[in-house]
Structures are given as C-alpha cells and as structure tokens.
Amino acid sequence: MPPLPPLAERIDTAVRQTLMYAEVNGERLACLEARHQIPWYLKGVAGAGYYKQQLVKLETLSELEKIVHDIKRDLF
C-alpha cells in the first residue's frame, strides 16, 4: 500500500471536493456531507481531535475555511 499523501494535500483535496459538491447540491448538503467525510482525512493525526469536533458541527462553507486555516496553522 502506498504511503498517504501529506496532510496539507489531503485537507486541500477534501475542501476542493466539498466546494465541488456545493456547486452541484448546495451549501447545506455540502456541509452535511463534509461533517461526515472530512474528519476521516484527519485520522491518525496527533492533536486533531479538537478539529474533528469542530467539523462535525459545520454549518457553512465559511466555517469550513476557518477550520481548515486553523488546521494548517496548528497541525503542520
């Protein structure tokens, strides 16, 4: 099995997928889907528990951007 891509690349991919989903299905459904999917991208990352808790409460795409900014600031 190949190694996982770097965390920054995984997070950028997750955000890009969420934004694409929002274009097709709207912001609300994209956020609901992101609540479920994006925490998986943080699996095994030390100190990510706080951000997983924030992601499962996600309501808007602007909240997602803020959380991702904080993840990149604190976990890289």
C-alpha atoms as a PDB file:
ATOM      1  CA  MET A   1       0.000   0.000   0.000  1.00  0.00           C
ATOM      2  CA  PRO A   2       1.470   3.388  -0.932  1.00  0.00           C
ATOM      3  CA  PRO A   3       2.028   5.951   1.839  1.00  0.00           C
ATOM      4  CA  LEU A   4      -0.603   8.593   2.486  1.00  0.00           C
ATOM      5  CA  PRO A   5      -0.132  11.989   0.831  1.00  0.00           C
ATOM      6  CA  PRO A   6       0.960  14.823   3.140  1.00  0.00           C
ATOM      7  CA  LEU A   7      -1.746  16.186   5.444  1.00  0.00           C
ATOM      8  CA  ALA A   8      -1.861  19.537   3.632  1.00  0.00           C
ATOM      9  CA  GLU A   9      -2.608  17.793   0.348  1.00  0.00           C
ATOM     10  CA  ARG A  10      -5.316  15.639   1.953  1.00  0.00           C
ATOM     11  CA  ILE A  11      -7.017  18.671   3.509  1.00  0.00           C
ATOM     12  CA  ASP A  12      -6.856  20.654   0.252  1.00  0.00           C
ATOM     13  CA  THR A  13      -8.404  17.706  -1.572  1.00  0.00           C
ATOM     14  CA  ALA A  14     -11.204  17.454   0.992  1.00  0.00           C
ATOM     15  CA  VAL A  15     -12.006  21.165   0.691  1.00  0.00           C
ATOM     16  CA  ARG A  16     -11.913  21.041  -3.105  1.00  0.00           C
ATOM     17  CA  GLN A  17     -14.318  18.069  -3.101  1.00  0.00           C
ATOM     18  CA  THR A  18     -16.659  19.868  -0.697  1.00  0.00           C
ATOM     19  CA  LEU A  19     -16.701  23.005  -2.842  1.00  0.00           C
ATOM     20  CA  MET A  20     -17.437  20.952  -5.954  1.00  0.00           C
ATOM     21  CA  TYR A  21     -20.245  19.183  -4.092  1.00  0.00           C
ATOM     22  CA  ALA A  22     -21.644  22.565  -3.032  1.00  0.00           C
ATOM     23  CA  GLU A  23     -21.755  23.769  -6.648  1.00  0.00           C
ATOM     24  CA  VAL A  24     -23.964  20.834  -7.586  1.00  0.00           C
ATOM     25  CA  ASN A  25     -26.037  20.243  -4.443  1.00  0.00           C
ATOM     26  CA  GLY A  26     -25.896  23.496  -2.495  1.00  0.00           C
ATOM     27  CA  GLU A  27     -24.054  24.665   0.590  1.00  0.00           C
ATOM     28  CA  ARG A  28     -26.249  22.964   3.172  1.00  0.00           C
ATOM     29  CA  LEU A  29     -25.894  19.471   1.710  1.00  0.00           C
ATOM     30  CA  ALA A  30     -22.187  20.008   1.110  1.00  0.00           C
ATOM     31  CA  CYS A  31     -21.689  20.930   4.765  1.00  0.00           C
ATOM     32  CA  LEU A  32     -23.667  17.914   5.929  1.00  0.00           C
ATOM     33  CA  GLU A  33     -21.523  15.670   3.746  1.00  0.00           C
ATOM     34  CA  ALA A  34     -18.320  17.399   4.903  1.00  0.00           C
ATOM     35  CA  ARG A  35     -19.283  16.751   8.532  1.00  0.00           C
ATOM     36  CA  HIS A  36     -19.089  13.067   7.788  1.00  0.00           C
ATOM     37  CA  GLN A  37     -16.208  12.894   5.317  1.00  0.00           C
ATOM     38  CA  ILE A  38     -13.541  15.433   6.301  1.00  0.00           C
ATOM     39  CA  PRO A  39     -12.816  14.070   9.797  1.00  0.00           C
ATOM     40  CA  TRP A  40     -11.631  10.870   8.075  1.00  0.00           C
ATOM     41  CA  TYR A  41      -8.869  12.876   6.405  1.00  0.00           C
ATOM     42  CA  LEU A  42      -7.533  13.627   9.905  1.00  0.00           C
ATOM     43  CA  LYS A  43      -7.465  10.006  11.032  1.00  0.00           C
ATOM     44  CA  GLY A  44      -4.270   9.246  12.892  1.00  0.00           C
ATOM     45  CA  VAL A  45      -3.134  12.874  13.128  1.00  0.00           C
ATOM     46  CA  ALA A  46      -1.964  13.774  16.624  1.00  0.00           C
ATOM     47  CA  GLY A  47      -3.923  16.663  18.131  1.00  0.00           C
ATOM     48  CA  ALA A  48      -6.703  16.520  15.534  1.00  0.00           C
ATOM     49  CA  GLY A  49      -9.495  15.620  17.976  1.00  0.00           C
ATOM     50  CA  TYR A  50     -10.457  19.246  18.591  1.00  0.00           C
ATOM     51  CA  TYR A  51     -10.782  19.891  14.862  1.00  0.00           C
ATOM     52  CA  LYS A  52     -12.814  16.746  14.317  1.00  0.00           C
ATOM     53  CA  GLN A  53     -15.271  18.037  16.930  1.00  0.00           C
ATOM     54  CA  GLN A  54     -15.469  21.373  15.114  1.00  0.00           C
ATOM     55  CA  LEU A  55     -16.003  19.709  11.735  1.00  0.00           C
ATOM     56  CA  VAL A  56     -18.989  17.639  12.880  1.00  0.00           C
ATOM     57  CA  LYS A  57     -20.760  20.902  13.841  1.00  0.00           C
ATOM     58  CA  LEU A  58     -20.045  22.549  10.477  1.00  0.00           C
ATOM     59  CA  GLU A  59     -22.864  24.789   9.193  1.00  0.00           C
ATOM     60  CA  THR A  60     -21.351  26.941   6.396  1.00  0.00           C
ATOM     61  CA  LEU A  61     -18.518  26.854   3.902  1.00  0.00           C
ATOM     62  CA  SER A  62     -17.000  29.928   5.543  1.00  0.00           C
ATOM     63  CA  GLU A  63     -16.766  27.938   8.799  1.00  0.00           C
ATOM     64  CA  LEU A  64     -15.014  25.197   6.841  1.00  0.00           C
ATOM     65  CA  GLU A  65     -12.459  27.692   5.532  1.00  0.00           C
ATOM     66  CA  LYS A  66     -11.765  28.940   9.062  1.00  0.00           C
ATOM     67  CA  ILE A  67     -11.373  25.422  10.456  1.00  0.00           C
ATOM     68  CA  VAL A  68      -9.060  24.424   7.607  1.00  0.00           C
ATOM     69  CA  HIS A  69      -6.981  27.560   8.157  1.00  0.00           C
ATOM     70  CA  ASP A  70      -6.651  26.655  11.848  1.00  0.00           C
ATOM     71  CA  ILE A  71      -5.762  23.040  10.994  1.00  0.00           C
ATOM     72  CA  LYS A  72      -2.999  24.180   8.676  1.00  0.00           C
ATOM     73  CA  ARG A  73      -1.731  26.648  11.264  1.00  0.00           C
ATOM     74  CA  ASP A  74      -1.712  24.237  14.198  1.00  0.00           C
ATOM     75  CA  LEU A  75      -1.065  20.773  12.780  1.00  0.00           C
ATOM     76  CA  PHE A  76       1.675  21.430  10.188  1.00  0.00           C
END
